[in-house]
Amino acid sequence: MDRMLEEFRARRDLIVAGLNDLPGVECISPQGAFYAFPKVSGTGLPAGELADLLLEEAGVACLSGTAFGRHGEGHLRLSYANSRENISRALDRMHDLLSRTAQ
């Protein structure tokens, strides 16, 4: 059990650091389940549009924060219940996409 908890902490730290390195994105470390909820309003794109773009052009699945109510606008929900390798790959793809579309 301790080994799995440590692995999820490592995944959390990886995704939070990676998200904070993306242009226009801010993320605090989640304290609950294995989901990050970064603020993406700095990208200049509505969250729903960005979620669609990430899926279609980068192959990264996430949800718009608006799926969780009106206060979720400007946020995305991403799971880090995946391997560190896949999380790193997704972050690289997100960085490539946001670097091309940044305002």
PDB file of N, CA and C in Angstrom:
ATOM      1  N   MET A   1       0.822  -1.194   0.000  1.00  0.00           N
ATOM      2  CA  MET A   1       0.000   0.000   0.000  1.00  0.00           C
ATOM      3  C   MET A   1       0.869   1.263   0.000  1.00  0.00           C
ATOM      4  N   ASP A   2       1.900   1.291   0.839  1.00  0.00           N
ATOM      5  CA  ASP A   2       2.771   2.464   0.900  1.00  0.00           C
ATOM      6  C   ASP A   2       3.458   2.717  -0.432  1.00  0.00           C
ATOM      7  N   ARG A   3       3.837   1.646  -1.115  1.00  0.00           N
ATOM      8  CA  ARG A   3       4.504   1.786  -2.406  1.00  0.00           C
ATOM      9  C   ARG A   3       3.563   2.423  -3.433  1.00  0.00           C
ATOM     10  N   MET A   4       2.291   2.021  -3.411  1.00  0.00           N
ATOM     11  CA  MET A   4       1.327   2.594  -4.352  1.00  0.00           C
ATOM     12  C   MET A   4       1.057   4.065  -4.025  1.00  0.00           C
ATOM     13  N   LEU A   5       0.949   4.391  -2.755  1.00  0.00           N
ATOM     14  CA  LEU A   5       0.754   5.793  -2.363  1.00  0.00           C
ATOM     15  C   LEU A   5       1.927   6.649  -2.820  1.00  0.00           C
ATOM     16  N   GLU A   6       3.124   6.136  -2.649  1.00  0.00           N
ATOM     17  CA  GLU A   6       4.312   6.877  -3.080  1.00  0.00           C
ATOM     18  C   GLU A   6       4.324   7.055  -4.594  1.00  0.00           C
ATOM     19  N   GLU A   7       3.881   6.033  -5.318  1.00  0.00           N
ATOM     20  CA  GLU A   7       3.819   6.129  -6.777  1.00  0.00           C
ATOM     21  C   GLU A   7       2.819   7.206  -7.203  1.00  0.00           C
ATOM     22  N   PHE A   8       1.650   7.250  -6.563  1.00  0.00           N
ATOM     23  CA  PHE A   8       0.669   8.285  -6.912  1.00  0.00           C
ATOM     24  C   PHE A   8       1.166   9.676  -6.535  1.00  0.00           C
ATOM     25  N   ARG A   9       1.905   9.787  -5.454  1.00  0.00           N
ATOM     26  CA  ARG A   9       2.508  11.089  -5.113  1.00  0.00           C
ATOM     27  C   ARG A   9       3.493  11.520  -6.196  1.00  0.00           C
ATOM     28  N   ALA A  10       4.290  10.582  -6.670  1.00  0.00           N
ATOM     29  CA  ALA A  10       5.259  10.899  -7.728  1.00  0.00           C
ATOM     30  C   ALA A  10       4.537  11.319  -9.008  1.00  0.00           C
ATOM     31  N   ARG A  11       3.461  10.627  -9.343  1.00  0.00           N
ATOM     32  CA  ARG A  11       2.678  10.989 -10.531  1.00  0.00           C
ATOM     33  C   ARG A  11       2.049  12.367 -10.359  1.00  0.00           C
ATOM     34  N   ARG A  12       1.516  12.624  -9.168  1.00  0.00           N
ATOM     35  CA  ARG A  12       0.922  13.937  -8.885  1.00  0.00           C
ATOM     36  C   ARG A  12       1.963  15.032  -9.046  1.00  0.00           C
ATOM     37  N   ASP A  13       3.113  14.836  -8.443  1.00  0.00           N
ATOM     38  CA  ASP A  13       4.164  15.850  -8.523  1.00  0.00           C
ATOM     39  C   ASP A  13       4.612  16.070  -9.966  1.00  0.00           C
ATOM     40  N   LEU A  14       4.687  14.998 -10.739  1.00  0.00           N
ATOM     41  CA  LEU A  14       5.077  15.086 -12.143  1.00  0.00           C
ATOM     42  C   LEU A  14       4.073  15.904 -12.943  1.00  0.00           C
ATOM     43  N   ILE A  15       2.783  15.613 -12.784  1.00  0.00           N
ATOM     44  CA  ILE A  15       1.779  16.315 -13.588  1.00  0.00           C
ATOM     45  C   ILE A  15       1.653  17.773 -13.154  1.00  0.00           C
ATOM     46  N   VAL A  16       1.720  18.044 -11.865  1.00  0.00           N
ATOM     47  CA  VAL A  16       1.602  19.429 -11.393  1.00  0.00           C
ATOM     48  C   VAL A  16       2.777  20.260 -11.900  1.00  0.00           C
ATOM     49  N   ALA A  17       3.985  19.743 -11.776  1.00  0.00           N
ATOM     50  CA  ALA A  17       5.160  20.479 -12.268  1.00  0.00           C
ATOM     51  C   ALA A  17       5.072  20.686 -13.776  1.00  0.00           C
ATOM     52  N   GLY A  18       4.674  19.646 -14.494  1.00  0.00           N
ATOM     53  CA  GLY A  18       4.563  19.753 -15.945  1.00  0.00           C
ATOM     54  C   GLY A  18       3.498  20.730 -16.379  1.00  0.00           C
ATOM     55  N   LEU A  19       2.357  20.725 -15.703  1.00  0.00           N
ATOM     56  CA  LEU A  19       1.287  21.666 -16.044  1.00  0.00           C
ATOM     57  C   LEU A  19       1.730  23.098 -15.777  1.00  0.00           C
ATOM     58  N   ASN A  20       2.428  23.317 -14.679  1.00  0.00           N
ATOM     59  CA  ASN A  20       2.895  24.669 -14.357  1.00  0.00           C
ATOM     60  C   ASN A  20       3.953  25.175 -15.330  1.00  0.00           C
ATOM     61  N   ASP A  21       4.572  24.279 -16.071  1.00  0.00           N
ATOM     62  CA  ASP A  21       5.542  24.677 -17.097  1.00  0.00           C
ATOM     63  C   ASP A  21       4.885  25.028 -18.427  1.00  0.00           C
ATOM     64  N   LEU A  22       3.590  24.753 -18.560  1.00  0.00           N
ATOM     65  CA  LEU A  22       2.892  25.033 -19.818  1.00  0.00           C
ATOM     66  C   LEU A  22       2.521  26.508 -19.900  1.00  0.00           C
ATOM     67  N   PRO A  23       2.605  27.101 -21.090  1.00  0.00           N
ATOM     68  CA  PRO A  23       2.233  28.512 -21.237  1.00  0.00           C
ATOM     69  C   PRO A  23       0.753  28.742 -20.939  1.00  0.00           C
ATOM     70  N   GLY A  24       0.485  29.678 -20.027  1.00  0.00           N
ATOM     71  CA  GLY A  24      -0.893  30.049 -19.704  1.00  0.00           C
ATOM     72  C   GLY A  24      -1.602  29.121 -18.743  1.00  0.00           C
ATOM     73  N   VAL A  25      -0.872  28.197 -18.110  1.00  0.00           N
ATOM     74  CA  VAL A  25      -1.489  27.199 -17.224  1.00  0.00           C
ATOM     75  C   VAL A  25      -0.913  27.334 -15.819  1.00  0.00           C
ATOM     76  N   GLU A  26      -1.806  27.241 -14.826  1.00  0.00           N
ATOM     77  CA  GLU A  26      -1.410  27.251 -13.414  1.00  0.00           C
ATOM     78  C   GLU A  26      -2.090  26.083 -12.725  1.00  0.00           C
ATOM     79  N   CYS A  27      -1.355  25.363 -11.892  1.00  0.00           N
ATOM     80  CA  CYS A  27      -1.941  24.215 -11.207  1.00  0.00           C
ATOM     81  C   CYS A  27      -1.408  24.121  -9.784  1.00  0.00           C
ATOM     82  N   ILE A  28      -2.322  23.970  -8.844  1.00  0.00           N
ATOM     83  CA  ILE A  28      -1.922  23.697  -7.465  1.00  0.00           C
ATOM     84  C   ILE A  28      -1.968  22.185  -7.259  1.00  0.00           C
ATOM     85  N   SER A  29      -1.263  21.720  -6.282  1.00  0.00           N
ATOM     86  CA  SER A  29      -1.201  20.284  -6.021  1.00  0.00           C
ATOM     87  C   SER A  29      -2.516  19.796  -5.421  1.00  0.00           C
ATOM     88  N   PRO A  30      -3.158  18.814  -6.063  1.00  0.00           N
ATOM     89  CA  PRO A  30      -4.413  18.295  -5.519  1.00  0.00           C
ATOM     90  C   PRO A  30      -4.174  17.549  -4.205  1.00  0.00           C
ATOM     91  N   GLN A  31      -5.137  17.631  -3.318  1.00  0.00           N
ATOM     92  CA  GLN A  31      -5.029  16.971  -2.022  1.00  0.00           C
ATOM     93  C   GLN A  31      -5.907  15.728  -1.921  1.00  0.00           C
ATOM     94  N   GLY A  32      -6.765  15.517  -2.929  1.00  0.00           N
ATOM     95  CA  GLY A  32      -7.700  14.400  -2.866  1.00  0.00           C
ATOM     96  C   GLY A  32      -7.354  13.290  -3.828  1.00  0.00           C
ATOM     97  N   ALA A  33      -8.295  12.988  -4.693  1.00  0.00           N
ATOM     98  CA  ALA A  33      -8.161  11.885  -5.644  1.00  0.00           C
ATOM     99  C   ALA A  33      -7.080  12.177  -6.682  1.00  0.00           C
ATOM    100  N   PHE A  34      -6.932  11.294  -7.643  1.00  0.00           N
ATOM    101  CA  PHE A  34      -5.859  11.402  -8.635  1.00  0.00           C
ATOM    102  C   PHE A  34      -6.263  12.217  -9.853  1.00  0.00           C
ATOM    103  N   TYR A  35      -6.705  13.449  -9.602  1.00  0.00           N
ATOM    104  CA  TYR A  35      -7.069  14.380 -10.670  1.00  0.00           C
ATOM    105  C   TYR A  35      -6.408  15.732 -10.425  1.00  0.00           C
ATOM    106  N   ALA A  36      -5.878  16.303 -11.488  1.00  0.00           N
ATOM    107  CA  ALA A  36      -5.378  17.677 -11.445  1.00  0.00           C
ATOM    108  C   ALA A  36      -6.458  18.566 -12.048  1.00  0.00           C
ATOM    109  N   PHE A  37      -6.570  19.788 -11.560  1.00  0.00           N
ATOM    110  CA  PHE A  37      -7.603  20.728 -12.008  1.00  0.00           C
ATOM    111  C   PHE A  37      -6.934  22.071 -12.317  1.00  0.00           C
ATOM    112  N   PRO A  38      -6.099  22.105 -13.357  1.00  0.00           N
ATOM    113  CA  PRO A  38      -5.349  23.329 -13.640  1.00  0.00           C
ATOM    114  C   PRO A  38      -6.218  24.457 -14.186  1.00  0.00           C
ATOM    115  N   LYS A  39      -5.817  25.667 -13.851  1.00  0.00           N
ATOM    116  CA  LYS A  39      -6.424  26.868 -14.414  1.00  0.00           C
ATOM    117  C   LYS A  39      -5.764  27.110 -15.766  1.00  0.00           C
ATOM    118  N   VAL A  40      -6.589  27.197 -16.815  1.00  0.00           N
ATOM    119  CA  VAL A  40      -6.057  27.332 -18.177  1.00  0.00           C
ATOM    120  C   VAL A  40      -6.511  28.619 -18.854  1.00  0.00           C
ATOM    121  N   SER A  41      -7.107  29.519 -18.098  1.00  0.00           N
ATOM    122  CA  SER A  41      -7.629  30.753 -18.695  1.00  0.00           C
ATOM    123  C   SER A  41      -6.520  31.602 -19.308  1.00  0.00           C
ATOM    124  N   GLY A  42      -5.293  31.433 -18.852  1.00  0.00           N
ATOM    125  CA  GLY A  42      -4.167  32.173 -19.407  1.00  0.00           C
ATOM    126  C   GLY A  42      -3.797  31.762 -20.825  1.00  0.00           C
ATOM    127  N   THR A  43      -4.391  30.679 -21.316  1.00  0.00           N
ATOM    128  CA  THR A  43      -4.123  30.247 -22.692  1.00  0.00           C
ATOM    129  C   THR A  43      -4.912  31.070 -23.700  1.00  0.00           C
ATOM    130  N   GLY A  44      -5.943  31.775 -23.218  1.00  0.00           N
ATOM    131  CA  GLY A  44      -6.796  32.550 -24.111  1.00  0.00           C
ATOM    132  C   GLY A  44      -7.889  31.738 -24.776  1.00  0.00           C
ATOM    133  N   LEU A  45      -7.983  30.458 -24.440  1.00  0.00           N
ATOM    134  CA  LEU A  45      -9.008  29.592 -25.019  1.00  0.00           C
ATOM    135  C   LEU A  45     -10.015  29.186 -23.954  1.00  0.00           C
ATOM    136  N   PRO A  46     -11.305  29.113 -24.310  1.00  0.00           N
ATOM    137  CA  PRO A  46     -12.276  28.562 -23.365  1.00  0.00           C
ATOM    138  C   PRO A  46     -11.908  27.111 -23.042  1.00  0.00           C
ATOM    139  N   ALA A  47     -12.186  26.687 -21.835  1.00  0.00           N
ATOM    140  CA  ALA A  47     -11.782  25.352 -21.385  1.00  0.00           C
ATOM    141  C   ALA A  47     -12.323  24.247 -22.290  1.00  0.00           C
ATOM    142  N   GLY A  48     -13.574  24.350 -22.696  1.00  0.00           N
ATOM    143  CA  GLY A  48     -14.156  23.322 -23.560  1.00  0.00           C
ATOM    144  C   GLY A  48     -13.463  23.240 -24.903  1.00  0.00           C
ATOM    145  N   GLU A  49     -13.157  24.389 -25.460  1.00  0.00           N
ATOM    146  CA  GLU A  49     -12.451  24.429 -26.743  1.00  0.00           C
ATOM    147  C   GLU A  49     -11.042  23.852 -26.601  1.00  0.00           C
ATOM    148  N   LEU A  50     -10.372  24.181 -25.515  1.00  0.00           N
ATOM    149  CA  LEU A  50      -9.030  23.656 -25.284  1.00  0.00           C
ATOM    150  C   LEU A  50      -9.066  22.140 -25.088  1.00  0.00           C
ATOM    151  N   ALA A  51     -10.041  21.646 -24.336  1.00  0.00           N
ATOM    152  CA  ALA A  51     -10.164  20.198 -24.133  1.00  0.00           C
ATOM    153  C   ALA A  51     -10.349  19.483 -25.469  1.00  0.00           C
ATOM    154  N   ASP A  52     -11.197  20.037 -26.334  1.00  0.00           N
ATOM    155  CA  ASP A  52     -11.408  19.440 -27.663  1.00  0.00           C
ATOM    156  C   ASP A  52     -10.125  19.469 -28.486  1.00  0.00           C
ATOM    157  N   LEU A  53      -9.440  20.590 -28.455  1.00  0.00           N
ATOM    158  CA  LEU A  53      -8.198  20.748 -29.209  1.00  0.00           C
ATOM    159  C   LEU A  53      -7.125  19.765 -28.722  1.00  0.00           C
ATOM    160  N   LEU A  54      -7.024  19.614 -27.414  1.00  0.00           N
ATOM    161  CA  LEU A  54      -6.045  18.680 -26.860  1.00  0.00           C
ATOM    162  C   LEU A  54      -6.329  17.250 -27.300  1.00  0.00           C
ATOM    163  N   LEU A  55      -7.602  16.884 -27.335  1.00  0.00           N
ATOM    164  CA  LEU A  55      -7.948  15.531 -27.767  1.00  0.00           C
ATOM    165  C   LEU A  55      -7.692  15.343 -29.257  1.00  0.00           C
ATOM    166  N   GLU A  56      -8.197  16.279 -30.054  1.00  0.00           N
ATOM    167  CA  GLU A  56      -8.131  16.131 -31.508  1.00  0.00           C
ATOM    168  C   GLU A  56      -6.723  16.292 -32.070  1.00  0.00           C
ATOM    169  N   GLU A  57      -5.954  17.230 -31.533  1.00  0.00           N
ATOM    170  CA  GLU A  57      -4.652  17.536 -32.131  1.00  0.00           C
ATOM    171  C   GLU A  57      -3.455  16.977 -31.365  1.00  0.00           C
ATOM    172  N   ALA A  58      -3.660  16.655 -30.079  1.00  0.00           N
ATOM    173  CA  ALA A  58      -2.532  16.158 -29.284  1.00  0.00           C
ATOM    174  C   ALA A  58      -2.771  14.753 -28.739  1.00  0.00           C
ATOM    175  N   GLY A  59      -3.995  14.252 -28.876  1.00  0.00           N
ATOM    176  CA  GLY A  59      -4.300  12.920 -28.368  1.00  0.00           C
ATOM    177  C   GLY A  59      -4.322  12.840 -26.855  1.00  0.00           C
ATOM    178  N   VAL A  60      -4.611  13.971 -26.199  1.00  0.00           N
ATOM    179  CA  VAL A  60      -4.660  14.027 -24.738  1.00  0.00           C
ATOM    180  C   VAL A  60      -6.113  14.204 -24.306  1.00  0.00           C
ATOM    181  N   ALA A  61      -6.627  13.230 -23.563  1.00  0.00           N
ATOM    182  CA  ALA A  61      -8.014  13.275 -23.102  1.00  0.00           C
ATOM    183  C   ALA A  61      -8.102  13.988 -21.755  1.00  0.00           C
ATOM    184  N   CYS A  62      -9.030  14.928 -21.676  1.00  0.00           N
ATOM    185  CA  CYS A  62      -9.307  15.628 -20.426  1.00  0.00           C
ATOM    186  C   CYS A  62     -10.735  16.147 -20.499  1.00  0.00           C
ATOM    187  N   LEU A  63     -11.222  16.663 -19.406  1.00  0.00           N
ATOM    188  CA  LEU A  63     -12.561  17.243 -19.356  1.00  0.00           C
ATOM    189  C   LEU A  63     -12.472  18.732 -19.087  1.00  0.00           C
ATOM    190  N   SER A  64     -13.405  19.458 -19.661  1.00  0.00           N
ATOM    191  CA  SER A  64     -13.534  20.865 -19.325  1.00  0.00           C
ATOM    192  C   SER A  64     -14.031  20.971 -17.889  1.00  0.00           C
ATOM    193  N   GLY A  65     -13.530  21.942 -17.172  1.00  0.00           N
ATOM    194  CA  GLY A  65     -13.986  22.149 -15.805  1.00  0.00           C
ATOM    195  C   GLY A  65     -15.465  22.457 -15.710  1.00  0.00           C
ATOM    196  N   THR A  66     -16.059  22.924 -16.801  1.00  0.00           N
ATOM    197  CA  THR A  66     -17.492  23.234 -16.786  1.00  0.00           C
ATOM    198  C   THR A  66     -18.340  21.986 -16.618  1.00  0.00           C
ATOM    199  N   ALA A  67     -17.772  20.808 -16.834  1.00  0.00           N
ATOM    200  CA  ALA A  67     -18.506  19.561 -16.585  1.00  0.00           C
ATOM    201  C   ALA A  67     -18.834  19.419 -15.101  1.00  0.00           C
ATOM    202  N   PHE A  68     -18.178  20.223 -14.260  1.00  0.00           N
ATOM    203  CA  PHE A  68     -18.375  20.164 -12.818  1.00  0.00           C
ATOM    204  C   PHE A  68     -19.061  21.416 -12.274  1.00  0.00           C
ATOM    205  N   GLY A  69     -19.668  22.183 -13.174  1.00  0.00           N
ATOM    206  CA  GLY A  69     -20.401  23.373 -12.766  1.00  0.00           C
ATOM    207  C   GLY A  69     -19.810  24.635 -13.362  1.00  0.00           C
ATOM    208  N   ARG A  70     -20.561  25.716 -13.251  1.00  0.00           N
ATOM    209  CA  ARG A  70     -20.159  26.969 -13.897  1.00  0.00           C
ATOM    210  C   ARG A  70     -18.849  27.535 -13.353  1.00  0.00           C
ATOM    211  N   HIS A  71     -18.512  27.211 -12.127  1.00  0.00           N
ATOM    212  CA  HIS A  71     -17.255  27.712 -11.546  1.00  0.00           C
ATOM    213  C   HIS A  71     -16.037  26.979 -12.098  1.00  0.00           C
ATOM    214  N   GLY A  72     -16.284  25.956 -12.906  1.00  0.00           N
ATOM    215  CA  GLY A  72     -15.181  25.219 -13.506  1.00  0.00           C
ATOM    216  C   GLY A  72     -14.650  25.838 -14.783  1.00  0.00           C
ATOM    217  N   GLU A  73     -15.335  26.892 -15.284  1.00  0.00           N
ATOM    218  CA  GLU A  73     -14.836  27.546 -16.505  1.00  0.00           C
ATOM    219  C   GLU A  73     -13.412  28.029 -16.263  1.00  0.00           C
ATOM    220  N   GLY A  74     -12.603  27.851 -17.293  1.00  0.00           N
ATOM    221  CA  GLY A  74     -11.208  28.258 -17.182  1.00  0.00           C
ATOM    222  C   GLY A  74     -10.314  27.181 -16.597  1.00  0.00           C
ATOM    223  N   HIS A  75     -10.876  25.984 -16.376  1.00  0.00           N
ATOM    224  CA  HIS A  75     -10.109  24.871 -15.812  1.00  0.00           C
ATOM    225  C   HIS A  75     -10.305  23.607 -16.649  1.00  0.00           C
ATOM    226  N   LEU A  76      -9.364  22.696 -16.530  1.00  0.00           N
ATOM    227  CA  LEU A  76      -9.472  21.359 -17.109  1.00  0.00           C
ATOM    228  C   LEU A  76      -9.320  20.345 -15.985  1.00  0.00           C
ATOM    229  N   ARG A  77      -9.838  19.155 -16.209  1.00  0.00           N
ATOM    230  CA  ARG A  77      -9.637  18.058 -15.256  1.00  0.00           C
ATOM    231  C   ARG A  77      -8.863  16.957 -15.969  1.00  0.00           C
ATOM    232  N   LEU A  78      -7.712  16.620 -15.408  1.00  0.00           N
ATOM    233  CA  LEU A  78      -6.860  15.575 -15.974  1.00  0.00           C
ATOM    234  C   LEU A  78      -6.572  14.524 -14.910  1.00  0.00           C
ATOM    235  N   SER A  79      -6.633  13.274 -15.312  1.00  0.00           N
ATOM    236  CA  SER A  79      -6.312  12.182 -14.404  1.00  0.00           C
ATOM    237  C   SER A  79      -4.820  11.876 -14.462  1.00  0.00           C
ATOM    238  N   TYR A  80      -4.251  11.570 -13.314  1.00  0.00           N
ATOM    239  CA  TYR A  80      -2.875  11.081 -13.313  1.00  0.00           C
ATOM    240  C   TYR A  80      -2.822   9.626 -12.844  1.00  0.00           C
ATOM    241  N   ALA A  81      -3.923   8.902 -13.076  1.00  0.00           N
ATOM    242  CA  ALA A  81      -3.970   7.459 -12.822  1.00  0.00           C
ATOM    243  C   ALA A  81      -3.453   6.742 -14.063  1.00  0.00           C
ATOM    244  N   ASN A  82      -2.219   7.008 -14.393  1.00  0.00           N
ATOM    245  CA  ASN A  82      -1.573   6.448 -15.568  1.00  0.00           C
ATOM    246  C   ASN A  82      -0.085   6.332 -15.252  1.00  0.00           C
ATOM    247  N   SER A  83       0.669   5.752 -16.136  1.00  0.00           N
ATOM    248  CA  SER A  83       2.109   5.610 -15.892  1.00  0.00           C
ATOM    249  C   SER A  83       2.799   6.970 -15.990  1.00  0.00           C
ATOM    250  N   ARG A  84       3.935   7.092 -15.332  1.00  0.00           N
ATOM    251  CA  ARG A  84       4.705   8.332 -15.429  1.00  0.00           C
ATOM    252  C   ARG A  84       5.144   8.582 -16.867  1.00  0.00           C
ATOM    253  N   GLU A  85       5.444   7.519 -17.576  1.00  0.00           N
ATOM    254  CA  GLU A  85       5.833   7.653 -18.980  1.00  0.00           C
ATOM    255  C   GLU A  85       4.703   8.275 -19.802  1.00  0.00           C
ATOM    256  N   ASN A  86       3.483   7.789 -19.615  1.00  0.00           N
ATOM    257  CA  ASN A  86       2.348   8.344 -20.362  1.00  0.00           C
ATOM    258  C   ASN A  86       2.027   9.767 -19.935  1.00  0.00           C
ATOM    259  N   ILE A  87       2.171  10.060 -18.654  1.00  0.00           N
ATOM    260  CA  ILE A  87       1.938  11.425 -18.179  1.00  0.00           C
ATOM    261  C   ILE A  87       2.954  12.369 -18.816  1.00  0.00           C
ATOM    262  N   SER A  88       4.209  11.975 -18.837  1.00  0.00           N
ATOM    263  CA  SER A  88       5.250  12.804 -19.462  1.00  0.00           C
ATOM    264  C   SER A  88       4.979  13.005 -20.943  1.00  0.00           C
ATOM    265  N   ARG A  89       4.559  11.952 -21.607  1.00  0.00           N
ATOM    266  CA  ARG A  89       4.251  12.045 -23.036  1.00  0.00           C
ATOM    267  C   ARG A  89       3.090  13.025 -23.266  1.00  0.00           C
ATOM    268  N   ALA A  90       2.060  12.927 -22.441  1.00  0.00           N
ATOM    269  CA  ALA A  90       0.913  13.833 -22.571  1.00  0.00           C
ATOM    270  C   ALA A  90       1.335  15.278 -22.324  1.00  0.00           C
ATOM    271  N   LEU A  91       2.165  15.502 -21.318  1.00  0.00           N
ATOM    272  CA  LEU A  91       2.632  16.861 -21.028  1.00  0.00           C
ATOM    273  C   LEU A  91       3.448  17.421 -22.190  1.00  0.00           C
ATOM    274  N   ASP A  92       4.279  16.587 -22.801  1.00  0.00           N
ATOM    275  CA  ASP A  92       5.051  17.028 -23.970  1.00  0.00           C
ATOM    276  C   ASP A  92       4.124  17.428 -25.109  1.00  0.00           C
ATOM    277  N   ARG A  93       3.101  16.630 -25.339  1.00  0.00           N
ATOM    278  CA  ARG A  93       2.147  16.931 -26.412  1.00  0.00           C
ATOM    279  C   ARG A  93       1.374  18.211 -26.120  1.00  0.00           C
ATOM    280  N   MET A  94       0.998  18.386 -24.851  1.00  0.00           N
ATOM    281  CA  MET A  94       0.292  19.606 -24.462  1.00  0.00           C
ATOM    282  C   MET A  94       1.190  20.820 -24.666  1.00  0.00           C
ATOM    283  N   HIS A  95       2.448  20.693 -24.292  1.00  0.00           N
ATOM    284  CA  HIS A  95       3.391  21.798 -24.463  1.00  0.00           C
ATOM    285  C   HIS A  95       3.540  22.159 -25.935  1.00  0.00           C
ATOM    286  N   ASP A  96       3.686  21.157 -26.784  1.00  0.00           N
ATOM    287  CA  ASP A  96       3.810  21.412 -28.224  1.00  0.00           C
ATOM    288  C   ASP A  96       2.589  22.150 -28.753  1.00  0.00           C
ATOM    289  N   LEU A  97       1.407  21.685 -28.378  1.00  0.00           N
ATOM    290  CA  LEU A  97       0.169  22.310 -28.853  1.00  0.00           C
ATOM    291  C   LEU A  97       0.045  23.739 -28.338  1.00  0.00           C
ATOM    292  N   LEU A  98       0.254  23.944 -27.051  1.00  0.00           N
ATOM    293  CA  LEU A  98       0.088  25.281 -26.479  1.00  0.00           C
ATOM    294  C   LEU A  98       1.154  26.249 -26.975  1.00  0.00           C
ATOM    295  N   SER A  99       2.321  25.759 -27.283  1.00  0.00           N
ATOM    296  CA  SER A  99       3.364  26.624 -27.843  1.00  0.00           C
ATOM    297  C   SER A  99       2.971  27.135 -29.223  1.00  0.00           C
ATOM    298  N   ARG A 100       2.245  26.315 -29.960  1.00  0.00           N
ATOM    299  CA  ARG A 100       1.790  26.721 -31.297  1.00  0.00           C
ATOM    300  C   ARG A 100       0.580  27.644 -31.245  1.00  0.00           C
ATOM    301  N   THR A 101      -0.255  27.503 -30.218  1.00  0.00           N
ATOM    302  CA  THR A 101      -1.509  28.258 -30.171  1.00  0.00           C
ATOM    303  C   THR A 101      -1.494  29.403 -29.174  1.00  0.00           C
ATOM    304  N   ALA A 102      -0.396  29.573 -28.430  1.00  0.00           N
ATOM    305  CA  ALA A 102      -0.330  30.612 -27.389  1.00  0.00           C
ATOM    306  C   ALA A 102      -0.525  31.997 -27.989  1.00  0.00           C
ATOM    307  N   GLN A 103      -1.200  32.824 -27.206  1.00  0.00           N
ATOM    308  CA  GLN A 103      -1.463  34.202 -27.646  1.00  0.00           C
ATOM    309  C   GLN A 103      -0.289  35.093 -27.342  1.00  0.00           C
TER     310      GLN A 103
END
